[in-house]
Amino acid sequence: MEKRLDKINESVSLYQYTDGFSYGTDAVLVSAFCRVKKGQVGAELGTGTGIIPTLLCHHKNPSKIFAFEIQEDYVALARENAELNGFSDRIEVIHENVRDITPSYLRPYGVEAVDFVVSNPPYMKQTSGALGLSDRKTVARHEMHSDITDFARAGARLLKNGGDMYIVYRPDRLCDLICALRENDLEPKEMVFVKSFEGTEPCLVLVRAKKCAESSLKLSELIIYREKDVYTEEMERVYQSSVIGEGYGKRN
């Protein structure tokens, strides 16, 4: 399987399969949306190339991230990328279907529950979109093996009470996401609607949900471009500092 080496920024590079699913702006955004404190332990559901734990380790310095992935070739690729960027000791890539993830995977490392969970899950239902894609792309984009309820359930299993789950998703499936979160005692606390340009419809939504929390929700928006091919100041900050909005401000 052919690979190419892509440079994300001055400090982080990543191998990607030339015929596989490549990381996009959604992965960069949800990494910036995560308000991870130094030394915290987290998990990612569906790591793919490993871009999200790599960016988190580079910018936010967690002590450990358990990165789960169902596709065996991407497990190998994510491990290679962790080593490439010097994070093999902090990123533990585990081959498993999201439906089958339990805290038993954490206990060999002396961990009972994690502080945060992050995910860029498949956006499309199994029956929607172009299923003539390569197998890797189909699994990454469609709910072939796990749906959004499975992702929320796995996040709730792994999180400690009061821990946060961060998800990037499509606005047209926002109702499905909120229902899945609440079914698993994950209360949406923040929602950022991402727009390509001012005045356009949202193309993505970022959601932070807290385990075992009372209801209250903060809404905001992020604009990617101020004109064609020119990022807004906030989007520049996403790429340079991996921070969105208030960044490390107070959370409820």
C-alpha atoms as a PDB file:
ATOM      1  CA  MET A   1       0.000   0.000   0.000  1.00  0.00           C
ATOM      2  CA  GLU A   2       1.514   3.276  -1.116  1.00  0.00           C
ATOM      3  CA  LYS A   3       1.938   6.112   1.364  1.00  0.00           C
ATOM      4  CA  ARG A   4       2.833   9.764   1.169  1.00  0.00           C
ATOM      5  CA  LEU A   5       4.267  12.042   3.850  1.00  0.00           C
ATOM      6  CA  ASP A   6       2.279  15.226   4.460  1.00  0.00           C
ATOM      7  CA  LYS A   7       3.397  18.169   6.562  1.00  0.00           C
ATOM      8  CA  ILE A   8       0.611  19.510   8.799  1.00  0.00           C
ATOM      9  CA  ASN A   9       2.667  22.329  10.310  1.00  0.00           C
ATOM     10  CA  GLU A  10       6.303  23.097  11.074  1.00  0.00           C
ATOM     11  CA  SER A  11       6.458  20.428  13.792  1.00  0.00           C
ATOM     12  CA  VAL A  12       3.999  17.696  12.798  1.00  0.00           C
ATOM     13  CA  SER A  13       4.106  15.420   9.743  1.00  0.00           C
ATOM     14  CA  LEU A  14       1.897  12.460   8.905  1.00  0.00           C
ATOM     15  CA  TYR A  15       1.954   9.413   6.638  1.00  0.00           C
ATOM     16  CA  GLN A  16      -1.266   8.825   4.690  1.00  0.00           C
ATOM     17  CA  TYR A  17      -2.323   6.113   2.260  1.00  0.00           C
ATOM     18  CA  THR A  18      -2.542   7.480  -1.264  1.00  0.00           C
ATOM     19  CA  ASP A  19      -5.766   5.533  -1.935  1.00  0.00           C
ATOM     20  CA  GLY A  20      -7.237   5.835   1.559  1.00  0.00           C
ATOM     21  CA  PHE A  21      -9.220   8.349   3.588  1.00  0.00           C
ATOM     22  CA  SER A  22      -7.138  11.475   4.246  1.00  0.00           C
ATOM     23  CA  TYR A  23      -7.501  13.750   7.235  1.00  0.00           C
ATOM     24  CA  GLY A  24      -9.444  16.979   6.724  1.00  0.00           C
ATOM     25  CA  THR A  25     -10.310  20.247   8.418  1.00  0.00           C
ATOM     26  CA  ASP A  26     -12.775  18.412  10.679  1.00  0.00           C
ATOM     27  CA  ALA A  27      -9.942  16.528  12.432  1.00  0.00           C
ATOM     28  CA  VAL A  28      -7.942  19.726  12.915  1.00  0.00           C
ATOM     29  CA  LEU A  29     -10.998  21.542  14.283  1.00  0.00           C
ATOM     30  CA  VAL A  30     -12.027  18.898  16.804  1.00  0.00           C
ATOM     31  CA  SER A  31      -8.415  18.684  18.040  1.00  0.00           C
ATOM     32  CA  ALA A  32      -8.449  22.432  18.659  1.00  0.00           C
ATOM     33  CA  PHE A  33     -11.882  22.184  20.311  1.00  0.00           C
ATOM     34  CA  CYS A  34     -10.559  19.742  22.944  1.00  0.00           C
ATOM     35  CA  ARG A  35      -9.665  21.588  26.137  1.00  0.00           C
ATOM     36  CA  VAL A  36      -7.169  19.090  27.430  1.00  0.00           C
ATOM     37  CA  LYS A  37      -5.078  19.855  30.492  1.00  0.00           C
ATOM     38  CA  LYS A  38      -1.478  18.777  30.794  1.00  0.00           C
ATOM     39  CA  GLY A  39      -1.190  15.257  32.184  1.00  0.00           C
ATOM     40  CA  GLN A  40      -4.785  14.194  31.493  1.00  0.00           C
ATOM     41  CA  VAL A  41      -5.627  10.788  30.031  1.00  0.00           C
ATOM     42  CA  GLY A  42      -7.939  10.482  27.043  1.00  0.00           C
ATOM     43  CA  ALA A  43      -9.262   8.205  24.335  1.00  0.00           C
ATOM     44  CA  GLU A  44     -10.071   8.603  20.664  1.00  0.00           C
ATOM     45  CA  LEU A  45     -12.710   6.530  18.912  1.00  0.00           C
ATOM     46  CA  GLY A  46     -11.761   5.796  15.293  1.00  0.00           C
ATOM     47  CA  THR A  47      -8.268   7.237  14.994  1.00  0.00           C
ATOM     48  CA  GLY A  48      -7.599   6.596  11.295  1.00  0.00           C
ATOM     49  CA  THR A  49      -4.150   8.029  10.550  1.00  0.00           C
ATOM     50  CA  GLY A  50      -3.744   9.107  14.178  1.00  0.00           C
ATOM     51  CA  ILE A  51      -3.856  12.819  13.406  1.00  0.00           C
ATOM     52  CA  ILE A  52      -6.047  13.796  16.372  1.00  0.00           C
ATOM     53  CA  PRO A  53      -3.952  12.199  19.160  1.00  0.00           C
ATOM     54  CA  THR A  54      -0.808  13.436  17.406  1.00  0.00           C
ATOM     55  CA  LEU A  55      -2.055  17.037  17.403  1.00  0.00           C
ATOM     56  CA  LEU A  56      -3.265  16.740  21.000  1.00  0.00           C
ATOM     57  CA  CYS A  57       0.094  15.424  22.183  1.00  0.00           C
ATOM     58  CA  HIS A  58       1.918  18.176  20.301  1.00  0.00           C
ATOM     59  CA  HIS A  59      -0.224  21.103  21.466  1.00  0.00           C
ATOM     60  CA  LYS A  60      -1.858  20.036  24.748  1.00  0.00           C
ATOM     61  CA  ASN A  61       0.458  17.494  26.381  1.00  0.00           C
ATOM     62  CA  PRO A  62      -1.843  14.750  27.733  1.00  0.00           C
ATOM     63  CA  SER A  63      -0.029  11.931  29.502  1.00  0.00           C
ATOM     64  CA  LYS A  64      -1.777   9.153  27.540  1.00  0.00           C
ATOM     65  CA  ILE A  65      -4.279   8.708  24.708  1.00  0.00           C
ATOM     66  CA  PHE A  66      -5.851   5.356  23.869  1.00  0.00           C
ATOM     67  CA  ALA A  67      -6.567   5.489  20.122  1.00  0.00           C
ATOM     68  CA  PHE A  68      -9.059   2.857  18.946  1.00  0.00           C
ATOM     69  CA  GLU A  69      -9.318   1.846  15.287  1.00  0.00           C
ATOM     70  CA  ILE A  70     -11.194  -0.979  13.529  1.00  0.00           C
ATOM     71  CA  GLN A  71      -9.164  -1.095  10.283  1.00  0.00           C
ATOM     72  CA  GLU A  72      -5.986  -3.087  10.779  1.00  0.00           C
ATOM     73  CA  ASP A  73      -3.955  -1.229   8.151  1.00  0.00           C
ATOM     74  CA  TYR A  74      -4.807   2.073   9.822  1.00  0.00           C
ATOM     75  CA  VAL A  75      -3.782   0.658  13.191  1.00  0.00           C
ATOM     76  CA  ALA A  76      -0.331   0.083  11.716  1.00  0.00           C
ATOM     77  CA  LEU A  77      -0.319   3.537  10.099  1.00  0.00           C
ATOM     78  CA  ALA A  78      -1.375   5.331  13.299  1.00  0.00           C
ATOM     79  CA  ARG A  79       1.396   3.557  15.221  1.00  0.00           C
ATOM     80  CA  GLU A  80       3.899   4.592  12.557  1.00  0.00           C
ATOM     81  CA  ASN A  81       2.732   8.204  12.785  1.00  0.00           C
ATOM     82  CA  ALA A  82       2.967   8.183  16.578  1.00  0.00           C
ATOM     83  CA  GLU A  83       6.568   6.995  16.291  1.00  0.00           C
ATOM     84  CA  LEU A  84       7.343   9.486  13.504  1.00  0.00           C
ATOM     85  CA  ASN A  85       6.290  12.388  15.742  1.00  0.00           C
ATOM     86  CA  GLY A  86       7.897  11.062  18.926  1.00  0.00           C
ATOM     87  CA  PHE A  87       4.689  10.117  20.760  1.00  0.00           C
ATOM     88  CA  SER A  88       4.876   6.314  20.842  1.00  0.00           C
ATOM     89  CA  ASP A  89       5.066   6.385  24.630  1.00  0.00           C
ATOM     90  CA  ARG A  90       1.854   8.421  24.936  1.00  0.00           C
ATOM     91  CA  ILE A  91      -0.339   7.204  22.062  1.00  0.00           C
ATOM     92  CA  GLU A  92      -1.524   3.602  22.505  1.00  0.00           C
ATOM     93  CA  VAL A  93      -3.206   2.417  19.297  1.00  0.00           C
ATOM     94  CA  ILE A  94      -5.672  -0.436  19.869  1.00  0.00           C
ATOM     95  CA  HIS A  95      -7.317  -2.570  17.178  1.00  0.00           C
ATOM     96  CA  GLU A  96     -11.019  -2.800  18.090  1.00  0.00           C
ATOM     97  CA  ASN A  97     -14.530  -2.037  16.902  1.00  0.00           C
ATOM     98  CA  VAL A  98     -16.117   0.892  18.744  1.00  0.00           C
ATOM     99  CA  ARG A  99     -19.079  -1.331  19.673  1.00  0.00           C
ATOM    100  CA  ASP A 100     -16.813  -3.589  21.719  1.00  0.00           C
ATOM    101  CA  ILE A 101     -14.746  -0.990  23.590  1.00  0.00           C
ATOM    102  CA  THR A 102     -14.884  -1.249  27.386  1.00  0.00           C
ATOM    103  CA  PRO A 103     -12.688   0.018  30.256  1.00  0.00           C
ATOM    104  CA  SER A 104     -10.957  -3.381  30.250  1.00  0.00           C
ATOM    105  CA  TYR A 105      -8.667  -1.985  27.548  1.00  0.00           C
ATOM    106  CA  LEU A 106      -7.477   0.726  29.945  1.00  0.00           C
ATOM    107  CA  ARG A 107      -6.772  -1.389  33.029  1.00  0.00           C
ATOM    108  CA  PRO A 108      -3.480  -2.976  31.868  1.00  0.00           C
ATOM    109  CA  TYR A 109      -2.112   0.593  31.935  1.00  0.00           C
ATOM    110  CA  GLY A 110      -3.402   1.313  35.429  1.00  0.00           C
ATOM    111  CA  VAL A 111      -6.335   3.426  34.168  1.00  0.00           C
ATOM    112  CA  GLU A 112      -9.967   2.887  35.195  1.00  0.00           C
ATOM    113  CA  ALA A 113     -11.540   5.797  33.295  1.00  0.00           C
ATOM    114  CA  VAL A 114     -10.398   8.680  31.099  1.00  0.00           C
ATOM    115  CA  ASP A 115     -10.714  12.450  31.473  1.00  0.00           C
ATOM    116  CA  PHE A 116     -11.811  13.056  27.891  1.00  0.00           C
ATOM    117  CA  VAL A 117     -12.920  11.249  24.748  1.00  0.00           C
ATOM    118  CA  VAL A 118     -12.667  12.680  21.241  1.00  0.00           C
ATOM    119  CA  SER A 119     -14.071  11.396  17.965  1.00  0.00           C
ATOM    120  CA  ASN A 120     -14.482  12.253  14.297  1.00  0.00           C
ATOM    121  CA  PRO A 121     -16.996   9.462  13.591  1.00  0.00           C
ATOM    122  CA  PRO A 122     -18.467   8.381  10.237  1.00  0.00           C
ATOM    123  CA  TYR A 123     -21.068  10.958   9.214  1.00  0.00           C
ATOM    124  CA  MET A 124     -23.118   8.959   6.737  1.00  0.00           C
ATOM    125  CA  LYS A 125     -25.678   6.237   7.334  1.00  0.00           C
ATOM    126  CA  GLN A 126     -24.863   2.875   5.797  1.00  0.00           C
ATOM    127  CA  THR A 127     -27.464   3.388   3.068  1.00  0.00           C
ATOM    128  CA  SER A 128     -26.440   6.930   2.056  1.00  0.00           C
ATOM    129  CA  GLY A 129     -23.681   8.424  -0.072  1.00  0.00           C
ATOM    130  CA  ALA A 130     -21.378   6.805  -2.620  1.00  0.00           C
ATOM    131  CA  LEU A 131     -20.647   3.257  -1.510  1.00  0.00           C
ATOM    132  CA  GLY A 132     -18.477   2.589  -4.548  1.00  0.00           C
ATOM    133  CA  LEU A 133     -15.487   4.024  -2.710  1.00  0.00           C
ATOM    134  CA  SER A 134     -12.492   1.948  -1.669  1.00  0.00           C
ATOM    135  CA  ASP A 135     -13.156  -0.134   1.438  1.00  0.00           C
ATOM    136  CA  ARG A 136     -11.021   2.161   3.619  1.00  0.00           C
ATOM    137  CA  LYS A 137     -12.961   5.259   2.565  1.00  0.00           C
ATOM    138  CA  THR A 138     -16.327   3.528   2.937  1.00  0.00           C
ATOM    139  CA  VAL A 139     -15.593   2.440   6.512  1.00  0.00           C
ATOM    140  CA  ALA A 140     -14.270   5.902   7.420  1.00  0.00           C
ATOM    141  CA  ARG A 141     -17.275   7.769   6.003  1.00  0.00           C
ATOM    142  CA  HIS A 142     -20.217   5.399   6.551  1.00  0.00           C
ATOM    143  CA  GLU A 143     -21.663   3.665   9.604  1.00  0.00           C
ATOM    144  CA  MET A 144     -20.650   0.234   8.323  1.00  0.00           C
ATOM    145  CA  HIS A 145     -19.567  -1.229  11.674  1.00  0.00           C
ATOM    146  CA  SER A 146     -20.727   1.281  14.319  1.00  0.00           C
ATOM    147  CA  ASP A 147     -23.288   4.092  14.338  1.00  0.00           C
ATOM    148  CA  ILE A 148     -23.369   7.329  16.323  1.00  0.00           C
ATOM    149  CA  THR A 149     -25.126   5.627  19.245  1.00  0.00           C
ATOM    150  CA  ASP A 150     -22.265   3.103  19.452  1.00  0.00           C
ATOM    151  CA  PHE A 151     -19.759   5.971  19.575  1.00  0.00           C
ATOM    152  CA  ALA A 152     -21.678   7.758  22.337  1.00  0.00           C
ATOM    153  CA  ARG A 153     -22.055   4.517  24.306  1.00  0.00           C
ATOM    154  CA  ALA A 154     -18.343   3.751  24.070  1.00  0.00           C
ATOM    155  CA  GLY A 155     -17.463   7.289  25.131  1.00  0.00           C
ATOM    156  CA  ALA A 156     -19.733   7.048  28.172  1.00  0.00           C
ATOM    157  CA  ARG A 157     -18.207   3.691  29.148  1.00  0.00           C
ATOM    158  CA  LEU A 158     -14.683   5.102  29.105  1.00  0.00           C
ATOM    159  CA  LEU A 159     -15.292   8.508  30.700  1.00  0.00           C
ATOM    160  CA  LYS A 160     -15.147   9.291  34.383  1.00  0.00           C
ATOM    161  CA  ASN A 161     -18.109  11.212  35.812  1.00  0.00           C
ATOM    162  CA  GLY A 162     -17.689  14.846  34.817  1.00  0.00           C
ATOM    163  CA  GLY A 163     -15.437  13.944  31.892  1.00  0.00           C
ATOM    164  CA  ASP A 164     -15.958  15.505  28.466  1.00  0.00           C
ATOM    165  CA  MET A 165     -16.655  13.966  25.073  1.00  0.00           C
ATOM    166  CA  TYR A 166     -15.755  16.017  21.983  1.00  0.00           C
ATOM    167  CA  ILE A 167     -17.292  15.193  18.598  1.00  0.00           C
ATOM    168  CA  VAL A 168     -17.252  16.771  15.144  1.00  0.00           C
ATOM    169  CA  TYR A 169     -20.313  15.900  13.079  1.00  0.00           C
ATOM    170  CA  ARG A 170     -22.574  17.001  10.242  1.00  0.00           C
ATOM    171  CA  PRO A 171     -25.295  19.545  11.072  1.00  0.00           C
ATOM    172  CA  ASP A 172     -27.943  17.607   9.133  1.00  0.00           C
ATOM    173  CA  ARG A 173     -27.521  14.741  11.620  1.00  0.00           C
ATOM    174  CA  LEU A 174     -27.347  16.883  14.746  1.00  0.00           C
ATOM    175  CA  CYS A 175     -30.619  15.471  16.126  1.00  0.00           C
ATOM    176  CA  ASP A 176     -29.213  11.936  15.873  1.00  0.00           C
ATOM    177  CA  LEU A 177     -26.074  13.040  17.710  1.00  0.00           C
ATOM    178  CA  ILE A 178     -27.880  14.788  20.563  1.00  0.00           C
ATOM    179  CA  CYS A 179     -30.255  11.859  21.037  1.00  0.00           C
ATOM    180  CA  ALA A 180     -27.336   9.414  21.118  1.00  0.00           C
ATOM    181  CA  LEU A 181     -25.460  11.521  23.671  1.00  0.00           C
ATOM    182  CA  ARG A 182     -28.404  11.960  26.011  1.00  0.00           C
ATOM    183  CA  GLU A 183     -29.329   8.274  25.802  1.00  0.00           C
ATOM    184  CA  ASN A 184     -25.900   7.606  27.296  1.00  0.00           C
ATOM    185  CA  ASP A 185     -25.965  10.277  30.034  1.00  0.00           C
ATOM    186  CA  LEU A 186     -23.762  12.669  28.061  1.00  0.00           C
ATOM    187  CA  GLU A 187     -25.195  16.177  28.277  1.00  0.00           C
ATOM    188  CA  PRO A 188     -24.339  18.609  25.440  1.00  0.00           C
ATOM    189  CA  LYS A 189     -22.715  21.695  26.991  1.00  0.00           C
ATOM    190  CA  GLU A 190     -21.119  23.510  24.046  1.00  0.00           C
ATOM    191  CA  MET A 191     -21.902  23.608  20.344  1.00  0.00           C
ATOM    192  CA  VAL A 192     -19.891  25.427  17.666  1.00  0.00           C
ATOM    193  CA  PHE A 193     -21.401  25.717  14.186  1.00  0.00           C
ATOM    194  CA  VAL A 194     -18.625  25.846  11.579  1.00  0.00           C
ATOM    195  CA  LYS A 195     -19.249  27.823   8.376  1.00  0.00           C
ATOM    196  CA  SER A 196     -17.043  28.108   5.312  1.00  0.00           C
ATOM    197  CA  PHE A 197     -17.915  31.819   4.902  1.00  0.00           C
ATOM    198  CA  GLU A 198     -19.940  34.400   6.796  1.00  0.00           C
ATOM    199  CA  GLY A 199     -23.611  34.095   5.871  1.00  0.00           C
ATOM    200  CA  THR A 200     -23.428  30.488   4.635  1.00  0.00           C
ATOM    201  CA  GLU A 201     -25.043  27.416   6.164  1.00  0.00           C
ATOM    202  CA  PRO A 202     -22.957  25.431   8.692  1.00  0.00           C
ATOM    203  CA  CYS A 203     -20.887  22.643   7.146  1.00  0.00           C
ATOM    204  CA  LEU A 204     -19.806  21.064  10.448  1.00  0.00           C
ATOM    205  CA  VAL A 205     -20.786  21.169  14.107  1.00  0.00           C
ATOM    206  CA  LEU A 206     -18.489  20.693  17.096  1.00  0.00           C
ATOM    207  CA  VAL A 207     -20.111  19.381  20.277  1.00  0.00           C
ATOM    208  CA  ARG A 208     -18.758  19.010  23.815  1.00  0.00           C
ATOM    209  CA  ALA A 209     -20.845  16.799  26.094  1.00  0.00           C
ATOM    210  CA  LYS A 210     -20.242  16.144  29.783  1.00  0.00           C
ATOM    211  CA  LYS A 211     -20.947  12.853  31.527  1.00  0.00           C
ATOM    212  CA  CYS A 212     -23.520  13.042  34.321  1.00  0.00           C
ATOM    213  CA  ALA A 213     -24.163  16.793  34.047  1.00  0.00           C
ATOM    214  CA  GLU A 214     -27.171  19.071  34.275  1.00  0.00           C
ATOM    215  CA  SER A 215     -28.606  20.696  31.156  1.00  0.00           C
ATOM    216  CA  SER A 216     -27.236  24.022  29.889  1.00  0.00           C
ATOM    217  CA  LEU A 217     -25.896  24.763  26.443  1.00  0.00           C
ATOM    218  CA  LYS A 218     -23.601  27.428  25.002  1.00  0.00           C
ATOM    219  CA  LEU A 219     -23.821  28.145  21.253  1.00  0.00           C
ATOM    220  CA  SER A 220     -21.266  29.869  19.043  1.00  0.00           C
ATOM    221  CA  GLU A 221     -19.957  29.802  15.483  1.00  0.00           C
ATOM    222  CA  LEU A 222     -16.630  29.698  13.686  1.00  0.00           C
ATOM    223  CA  ILE A 223     -15.985  31.025  10.178  1.00  0.00           C
ATOM    224  CA  ILE A 224     -13.202  29.294   8.222  1.00  0.00           C
ATOM    225  CA  TYR A 225     -12.554  31.800   5.399  1.00  0.00           C
ATOM    226  CA  ARG A 226     -12.856  35.595   5.243  1.00  0.00           C
ATOM    227  CA  GLU A 227     -12.414  35.350   1.475  1.00  0.00           C
ATOM    228  CA  LYS A 228     -11.459  32.602  -0.968  1.00  0.00           C
ATOM    229  CA  ASP A 229      -8.332  30.741   0.228  1.00  0.00           C
ATOM    230  CA  VAL A 230      -7.771  33.254   3.065  1.00  0.00           C
ATOM    231  CA  TYR A 231      -8.405  32.012   6.613  1.00  0.00           C
ATOM    232  CA  THR A 232     -10.063  34.108   9.298  1.00  0.00           C
ATOM    233  CA  GLU A 233      -7.966  35.032  12.335  1.00  0.00           C
ATOM    234  CA  GLU A 234      -9.734  32.382  14.400  1.00  0.00           C
ATOM    235  CA  MET A 235      -9.000  29.686  11.837  1.00  0.00           C
ATOM    236  CA  GLU A 236      -5.360  30.784  11.703  1.00  0.00           C
ATOM    237  CA  ARG A 237      -5.283  30.314  15.484  1.00  0.00           C
ATOM    238  CA  VAL A 238      -6.723  26.813  15.069  1.00  0.00           C
ATOM    239  CA  TYR A 239      -3.823  25.781  12.843  1.00  0.00           C
ATOM    240  CA  GLN A 240      -1.094  27.649  14.702  1.00  0.00           C
ATOM    241  CA  SER A 241      -2.101  27.130  18.336  1.00  0.00           C
ATOM    242  CA  SER A 242      -4.871  24.475  18.243  1.00  0.00           C
ATOM    243  CA  VAL A 243      -7.317  26.667  20.172  1.00  0.00           C
ATOM    244  CA  ILE A 244     -10.952  27.536  19.433  1.00  0.00           C
ATOM    245  CA  GLY A 245     -12.803  30.436  21.038  1.00  0.00           C
ATOM    246  CA  GLU A 246     -12.120  30.714  24.736  1.00  0.00           C
ATOM    247  CA  GLY A 247      -9.625  27.877  24.502  1.00  0.00           C
ATOM    248  CA  TYR A 248      -8.867  26.958  28.077  1.00  0.00           C
ATOM    249  CA  GLY A 249     -11.510  29.121  29.692  1.00  0.00           C
ATOM    250  CA  LYS A 250     -13.910  28.080  32.424  1.00  0.00           C
ATOM    251  CA  ARG A 251     -16.275  25.229  31.562  1.00  0.00           C
ATOM    252  CA  ASN A 252     -19.506  24.064  33.163  1.00  0.00           C
END
